[in-house]
C-alpha atoms as a PDB file:
ATOM      1  CA  MET A   1       5.676  13.883  -8.427  1.00  0.00           C
ATOM      2  CA  ILE A   2       4.503  15.071  -5.024  1.00  0.00           C
ATOM      3  CA  ARG A   3       5.034  18.757  -4.332  1.00  0.00           C
ATOM      4  CA  LEU A   4       5.106  19.560  -0.635  1.00  0.00           C
ATOM      5  CA  GLY A   5       6.890  22.242   1.345  1.00  0.00           C
ATOM      6  CA  SER A   6       8.723  20.432   4.126  1.00  0.00           C
ATOM      7  CA  ALA A   7      10.760  17.257   4.242  1.00  0.00           C
ATOM      8  CA  GLU A   8       8.489  15.949   7.008  1.00  0.00           C
ATOM      9  CA  LYS A   9       5.376  16.418   4.876  1.00  0.00           C
ATOM     10  CA  TYR A  10       7.166  14.892   1.907  1.00  0.00           C
ATOM     11  CA  ASP A  11       8.016  11.780   3.933  1.00  0.00           C
ATOM     12  CA  GLU A  12       4.432  11.535   5.161  1.00  0.00           C
ATOM     13  CA  ALA A  13       3.155  11.854   1.598  1.00  0.00           C
ATOM     14  CA  LEU A  14       5.479   9.105   0.393  1.00  0.00           C
ATOM     15  CA  VAL A  15       3.910   6.754   2.928  1.00  0.00           C
ATOM     16  CA  CYS A  16       0.504   7.472   1.346  1.00  0.00           C
ATOM     17  CA  LYS A  17       1.687   7.457  -2.261  1.00  0.00           C
ATOM     18  CA  GLU A  18       2.024   3.707  -2.801  1.00  0.00           C
ATOM     19  CA  PRO A  19      -1.394   2.793  -1.378  1.00  0.00           C
ATOM     20  CA  ALA A  20      -2.926   5.771  -3.208  1.00  0.00           C
ATOM     21  CA  ASP A  21      -1.443   4.575  -6.492  1.00  0.00           C
ATOM     22  CA  LYS A  22      -2.920   1.150  -5.789  1.00  0.00           C
ATOM     23  CA  GLY A  23      -6.396   2.620  -5.359  1.00  0.00           C
ATOM     24  CA  ASP A  24      -6.680   3.088  -1.583  1.00  0.00           C
ATOM     25  CA  ALA A  25      -9.366   5.782  -1.342  1.00  0.00           C
ATOM     26  CA  GLU A  26      -8.384   7.006   2.118  1.00  0.00           C
ATOM     27  CA  ALA A  27      -4.739   7.334   1.072  1.00  0.00           C
ATOM     28  CA  GLN A  28      -5.837   9.240  -2.045  1.00  0.00           C
ATOM     29  CA  TYR A  29      -7.899  11.615   0.073  1.00  0.00           C
ATOM     30  CA  LYS A  30      -5.078  12.154   2.566  1.00  0.00           C
ATOM     31  CA  LEU A  31      -2.556  12.763  -0.201  1.00  0.00           C
ATOM     32  CA  GLY A  32      -4.862  15.250  -1.917  1.00  0.00           C
ATOM     33  CA  MET A  33      -5.381  17.117   1.336  1.00  0.00           C
ATOM     34  CA  MET A  34      -1.647  17.245   2.025  1.00  0.00           C
ATOM     35  CA  VAL A  35      -1.025  18.834  -1.361  1.00  0.00           C
ATOM     36  CA  MET A  36      -3.884  21.328  -0.823  1.00  0.00           C
ATOM     37  CA  GLU A  37      -2.623  22.310   2.636  1.00  0.00           C
ATOM     38  CA  THR A  38       0.722  23.395   1.236  1.00  0.00           C
ATOM     39  CA  GLY A  39      -0.962  26.286  -0.556  1.00  0.00           C
ATOM     40  CA  SER A  40       0.864  24.944  -3.561  1.00  0.00           C
ATOM     41  CA  SER A  41       0.193  26.171  -7.045  1.00  0.00           C
ATOM     42  CA  PHE A  42      -0.273  22.521  -8.008  1.00  0.00           C
ATOM     43  CA  LYS A  43      -3.993  22.422  -7.216  1.00  0.00           C
ATOM     44  CA  TRP A  44      -4.533  20.159 -10.206  1.00  0.00           C
ATOM     45  CA  GLU A  45      -2.496  17.491  -8.422  1.00  0.00           C
ATOM     46  CA  ALA A  46      -4.583  17.787  -5.260  1.00  0.00           C
ATOM     47  CA  ARG A  47      -7.760  17.759  -7.332  1.00  0.00           C
ATOM     48  CA  THR A  48      -6.639  14.578  -9.089  1.00  0.00           C
ATOM     49  CA  TRP A  49      -6.162  12.691  -5.825  1.00  0.00           C
ATOM     50  CA  LEU A  50      -9.369  14.051  -4.311  1.00  0.00           C
ATOM     51  CA  ALA A  51     -11.335  13.122  -7.440  1.00  0.00           C
ATOM     52  CA  ARG A  52     -10.023   9.565  -7.296  1.00  0.00           C
ATOM     53  CA  ALA A  53     -11.092   9.297  -3.665  1.00  0.00           C
ATOM     54  CA  ALA A  54     -14.487  10.857  -4.397  1.00  0.00           C
ATOM     55  CA  GLU A  55     -15.104   8.370  -7.204  1.00  0.00           C
ATOM     56  CA  GLN A  56     -14.721   5.627  -4.601  1.00  0.00           C
ATOM     57  CA  GLY A  57     -17.254   7.186  -2.281  1.00  0.00           C
ATOM     58  CA  VAL A  58     -15.159   9.258   0.148  1.00  0.00           C
ATOM     59  CA  ALA A  59     -17.713  11.934   1.073  1.00  0.00           C
ATOM     60  CA  ASP A  60     -15.119  14.368   2.456  1.00  0.00           C
ATOM     61  CA  ALA A  61     -13.282  14.259  -0.870  1.00  0.00           C
ATOM     62  CA  THR A  62     -16.487  15.112  -2.710  1.00  0.00           C
ATOM     63  CA  LEU A  63     -17.120  18.068  -0.396  1.00  0.00           C
ATOM     64  CA  ARG A  64     -13.561  19.329  -0.779  1.00  0.00           C
ATOM     65  CA  LEU A  65     -13.804  19.193  -4.569  1.00  0.00           C
ATOM     66  CA  LYS A  66     -17.016  21.242  -4.448  1.00  0.00           C
ATOM     67  CA  GLU A  67     -15.265  23.815  -2.243  1.00  0.00           C
ATOM     68  CA  ILE A  68     -12.269  24.008  -4.575  1.00  0.00           C
ATOM     69  CA  ASN A  69     -14.433  24.388  -7.657  1.00  0.00           C
ATOM     70  CA  GLY A  70     -16.597  27.023  -5.964  1.00  0.00           C
ATOM     71  CA  LYS A  71     -13.586  29.142  -5.008  1.00  0.00           C
ATOM     72  CA  GLU A  72     -12.209  29.024  -8.533  1.00  0.00           C
ATOM     73  CA  ARG A  73     -15.494  30.273  -9.994  1.00  0.00           C
ATOM     74  CA  ALA A  74     -15.829  33.121  -7.506  1.00  0.00           C
END
């Protein structure tokens, strides 16, 4: 389930969800970023999408994951 604040963001996320589920790395990255930007308590969900994108070589996803992990350790 996608957890986003506004209906507009939710609709945008739904557009990304199908390609992300099918393995589209850019859609996975975008979906992960949308979840992160909500300030949601569901960081695990954002991390999951970002990790999938990073595994496929999306450099920005890898950097974001490092930032997230660094903040949690601080």
